[in-house]
Amino acid sequence: MKSSDYKQLKVWQKAMDLTIEIYNLVKLLPKEETYALSDQMRRAVVSIPSNIAEGQGRNSDKEFINFLSVARGSLWELETQIEICGRLGYIDENKKAITYLMTTEVSKMLNALSNSLTTKSLTPNV
């Protein structure tokens, strides 16, 4: 797979969809959150597809797996920030549920890709 083929990865595509969703969500936050929670959420969500792309461009599955792990960490950070938005009343339960569905899907896809790379790297070449 060429390094530019990361765009073909379904997990990267879903992470990009999540990025757009979060960018739209932060527009709902109060102005006092512009340089706090909203900036943190944008950084976290951008990190997810960025790490998938960077990891795919690396020289080994082991490196790719590491970048997928970083992407997963950013995803969990984002989920925490979504929860904070909900608890503060910045977003309603429906919006929170929609974004959680998206984060859950990306999380499962990250795990599946990481597991497939781990299995591939453990399989001896014959």
C-alpha atoms as a PDB file:
ATOM      1  CA  MET A   1       0.000   0.000   0.000  1.00  0.00           C
ATOM      2  CA  LYS A   2       1.429   3.386  -0.986  1.00  0.00           C
ATOM      3  CA  SER A   3       1.541   6.121   1.634  1.00  0.00           C
ATOM      4  CA  SER A   4      -1.151   8.117  -0.202  1.00  0.00           C
ATOM      5  CA  ASP A   5      -3.480   5.123   0.053  1.00  0.00           C
ATOM      6  CA  TYR A   6      -4.410   6.090   3.608  1.00  0.00           C
ATOM      7  CA  LYS A   7      -7.326   7.939   2.003  1.00  0.00           C
ATOM      8  CA  GLN A   8      -8.701   4.548   0.964  1.00  0.00           C
ATOM      9  CA  LEU A   9      -8.808   3.320   4.560  1.00  0.00           C
ATOM     10  CA  LYS A  10     -12.412   3.240   5.798  1.00  0.00           C
ATOM     11  CA  VAL A  11     -11.268   4.154   9.302  1.00  0.00           C
ATOM     12  CA  TRP A  12      -9.554   7.293   7.973  1.00  0.00           C
ATOM     13  CA  GLN A  13     -12.716   8.222   6.043  1.00  0.00           C
ATOM     14  CA  LYS A  14     -14.899   7.728   9.147  1.00  0.00           C
ATOM     15  CA  ALA A  15     -12.430   9.719  11.251  1.00  0.00           C
ATOM     16  CA  MET A  16     -12.692  12.547   8.710  1.00  0.00           C
ATOM     17  CA  ASP A  17     -16.512  12.406   8.985  1.00  0.00           C
ATOM     18  CA  LEU A  18     -16.157  12.623  12.765  1.00  0.00           C
ATOM     19  CA  THR A  19     -13.854  15.620  12.367  1.00  0.00           C
ATOM     20  CA  ILE A  20     -16.484  17.497  10.370  1.00  0.00           C
ATOM     21  CA  GLU A  21     -19.159  16.565  12.920  1.00  0.00           C
ATOM     22  CA  ILE A  22     -17.052  17.889  15.801  1.00  0.00           C
ATOM     23  CA  TYR A  23     -16.180  21.092  13.971  1.00  0.00           C
ATOM     24  CA  ASN A  24     -19.921  21.662  13.546  1.00  0.00           C
ATOM     25  CA  LEU A  25     -20.582  20.738  17.179  1.00  0.00           C
ATOM     26  CA  VAL A  26     -18.092  23.235  18.598  1.00  0.00           C
ATOM     27  CA  LYS A  27     -19.953  26.016  16.799  1.00  0.00           C
ATOM     28  CA  LEU A  28     -22.756  25.333  19.315  1.00  0.00           C
ATOM     29  CA  LEU A  29     -20.525  25.988  22.319  1.00  0.00           C
ATOM     30  CA  PRO A  30     -20.682  29.320  24.147  1.00  0.00           C
ATOM     31  CA  LYS A  31     -18.165  31.998  23.155  1.00  0.00           C
ATOM     32  CA  GLU A  32     -16.327  31.650  26.480  1.00  0.00           C
ATOM     33  CA  GLU A  33     -15.319  28.132  25.381  1.00  0.00           C
ATOM     34  CA  THR A  34     -13.701  29.343  22.144  1.00  0.00           C
ATOM     35  CA  TYR A  35     -10.159  29.134  23.510  1.00  0.00           C
ATOM     36  CA  ALA A  36     -10.742  26.290  25.930  1.00  0.00           C
ATOM     37  CA  LEU A  37     -12.987  23.306  25.320  1.00  0.00           C
ATOM     38  CA  SER A  38     -13.667  23.946  21.628  1.00  0.00           C
ATOM     39  CA  ASP A  39      -9.955  24.317  20.788  1.00  0.00           C
ATOM     40  CA  GLN A  40      -9.158  21.168  22.745  1.00  0.00           C
ATOM     41  CA  MET A  41     -11.893  19.239  20.929  1.00  0.00           C
ATOM     42  CA  ARG A  42     -10.671  20.400  17.522  1.00  0.00           C
ATOM     43  CA  ARG A  43      -7.099  19.390  18.343  1.00  0.00           C
ATOM     44  CA  ALA A  44      -8.196  15.967  19.580  1.00  0.00           C
ATOM     45  CA  VAL A  45     -10.427  15.194  16.610  1.00  0.00           C
ATOM     46  CA  VAL A  46      -7.878  16.385  14.031  1.00  0.00           C
ATOM     47  CA  SER A  47      -5.309  14.130  15.679  1.00  0.00           C
ATOM     48  CA  ILE A  48      -7.353  11.015  14.895  1.00  0.00           C
ATOM     49  CA  PRO A  49      -7.260  10.961  11.052  1.00  0.00           C
ATOM     50  CA  SER A  50      -3.839  12.655  11.105  1.00  0.00           C
ATOM     51  CA  ASN A  51      -2.289   9.816  13.118  1.00  0.00           C
ATOM     52  CA  ILE A  52      -3.967   7.206  10.943  1.00  0.00           C
ATOM     53  CA  ALA A  53      -2.453   8.861   7.863  1.00  0.00           C
ATOM     54  CA  GLU A  54       0.975   9.335   9.417  1.00  0.00           C
ATOM     55  CA  GLY A  55       1.085   5.788  10.717  1.00  0.00           C
ATOM     56  CA  GLN A  56       0.104   4.333   7.362  1.00  0.00           C
ATOM     57  CA  GLY A  57       3.009   6.220   5.801  1.00  0.00           C
ATOM     58  CA  ARG A  58       5.559   4.682   8.160  1.00  0.00           C
ATOM     59  CA  ASN A  59       7.927   1.868   7.285  1.00  0.00           C
ATOM     60  CA  SER A  60       6.534  -0.885   9.450  1.00  0.00           C
ATOM     61  CA  ASP A  61       3.357  -2.351  10.838  1.00  0.00           C
ATOM     62  CA  LYS A  62       4.773  -1.861  14.335  1.00  0.00           C
ATOM     63  CA  GLU A  63       5.042   1.893  13.749  1.00  0.00           C
ATOM     64  CA  PHE A  64       1.575   1.969  12.189  1.00  0.00           C
ATOM     65  CA  ILE A  65       0.138   0.190  15.230  1.00  0.00           C
ATOM     66  CA  ASN A  66       1.765   2.801  17.480  1.00  0.00           C
ATOM     67  CA  PHE A  67       0.141   5.650  15.536  1.00  0.00           C
ATOM     68  CA  LEU A  68      -3.215   3.869  15.679  1.00  0.00           C
ATOM     69  CA  SER A  69      -2.780   3.728  19.448  1.00  0.00           C
ATOM     70  CA  VAL A  70      -2.173   7.488  19.533  1.00  0.00           C
ATOM     71  CA  ALA A  71      -5.299   7.999  17.399  1.00  0.00           C
ATOM     72  CA  ARG A  72      -7.280   5.851  19.860  1.00  0.00           C
ATOM     73  CA  GLY A  73      -6.009   7.964  22.758  1.00  0.00           C
ATOM     74  CA  SER A  74      -7.142  11.130  20.995  1.00  0.00           C
ATOM     75  CA  LEU A  75     -10.518   9.514  20.382  1.00  0.00           C
ATOM     76  CA  TRP A  76     -10.963   8.757  24.081  1.00  0.00           C
ATOM     77  CA  GLU A  77      -9.889  12.301  24.911  1.00  0.00           C
ATOM     78  CA  LEU A  78     -12.569  13.544  22.516  1.00  0.00           C
ATOM     79  CA  GLU A  79     -15.220  11.300  24.094  1.00  0.00           C
ATOM     80  CA  THR A  80     -14.382  12.812  27.477  1.00  0.00           C
ATOM     81  CA  GLN A  81     -14.758  16.308  26.059  1.00  0.00           C
ATOM     82  CA  ILE A  82     -18.119  15.387  24.506  1.00  0.00           C
ATOM     83  CA  GLU A  83     -19.231  14.140  27.924  1.00  0.00           C
ATOM     84  CA  ILE A  84     -18.131  17.423  29.476  1.00  0.00           C
ATOM     85  CA  CYS A  85     -20.183  19.321  26.874  1.00  0.00           C
ATOM     86  CA  GLY A  86     -23.211  17.225  27.754  1.00  0.00           C
ATOM     87  CA  ARG A  87     -22.800  17.640  31.508  1.00  0.00           C
ATOM     88  CA  LEU A  88     -22.446  21.401  31.118  1.00  0.00           C
ATOM     89  CA  GLY A  89     -25.602  21.490  29.014  1.00  0.00           C
ATOM     90  CA  TYR A  90     -23.813  22.751  25.922  1.00  0.00           C
ATOM     91  CA  ILE A  91     -25.198  19.941  23.773  1.00  0.00           C
ATOM     92  CA  ASP A  92     -28.382  17.930  24.071  1.00  0.00           C
ATOM     93  CA  GLU A  93     -28.596  14.175  24.588  1.00  0.00           C
ATOM     94  CA  ASN A  94     -29.419  13.560  20.924  1.00  0.00           C
ATOM     95  CA  LYS A  95     -26.291  15.373  19.693  1.00  0.00           C
ATOM     96  CA  LYS A  96     -24.224  13.575  22.311  1.00  0.00           C
ATOM     97  CA  ALA A  97     -25.635  10.203  21.235  1.00  0.00           C
ATOM     98  CA  ILE A  98     -24.907  10.886  17.563  1.00  0.00           C
ATOM     99  CA  THR A  99     -21.297  11.796  18.251  1.00  0.00           C
ATOM    100  CA  TYR A 100     -20.858   8.801  20.564  1.00  0.00           C
ATOM    101  CA  LEU A 101     -22.105   6.494  17.813  1.00  0.00           C
ATOM    102  CA  MET A 102     -19.494   7.960  15.501  1.00  0.00           C
ATOM    103  CA  THR A 103     -16.684   7.659  18.066  1.00  0.00           C
ATOM    104  CA  THR A 104     -17.684   4.074  18.838  1.00  0.00           C
ATOM    105  CA  GLU A 105     -17.572   3.162  15.161  1.00  0.00           C
ATOM    106  CA  VAL A 106     -14.137   4.726  14.701  1.00  0.00           C
ATOM    107  CA  SER A 107     -12.889   3.028  17.874  1.00  0.00           C
ATOM    108  CA  LYS A 108     -13.993  -0.407  16.655  1.00  0.00           C
ATOM    109  CA  MET A 109     -12.368   0.213  13.289  1.00  0.00           C
ATOM    110  CA  LEU A 110      -9.093   1.344  14.897  1.00  0.00           C
ATOM    111  CA  ASN A 111      -9.080  -1.789  17.055  1.00  0.00           C
ATOM    112  CA  ALA A 112      -9.810  -4.048  14.086  1.00  0.00           C
ATOM    113  CA  LEU A 113      -7.061  -2.492  11.963  1.00  0.00           C
ATOM    114  CA  SER A 114      -4.570  -2.647  14.822  1.00  0.00           C
ATOM    115  CA  ASN A 115      -5.464  -6.280  15.519  1.00  0.00           C
ATOM    116  CA  SER A 116      -5.120  -7.218  11.842  1.00  0.00           C
ATOM    117  CA  LEU A 117      -1.695  -5.579  11.675  1.00  0.00           C
ATOM    118  CA  THR A 118      -0.623  -7.321  14.884  1.00  0.00           C
ATOM    119  CA  THR A 119      -1.793 -10.684  13.542  1.00  0.00           C
ATOM    120  CA  LYS A 120      -0.057 -10.029  10.209  1.00  0.00           C
ATOM    121  CA  SER A 121       3.226  -9.155  11.895  1.00  0.00           C
ATOM    122  CA  LEU A 122       3.036 -12.273  14.096  1.00  0.00           C
ATOM    123  CA  THR A 123       2.446 -14.583  11.135  1.00  0.00           C
ATOM    124  CA  PRO A 124       5.768 -16.084  10.006  1.00  0.00           C
ATOM    125  CA  ASN A 125       6.739 -15.651   6.379  1.00  0.00           C
ATOM    126  CA  VAL A 126       6.712 -18.992   4.619  1.00  0.00           C
END
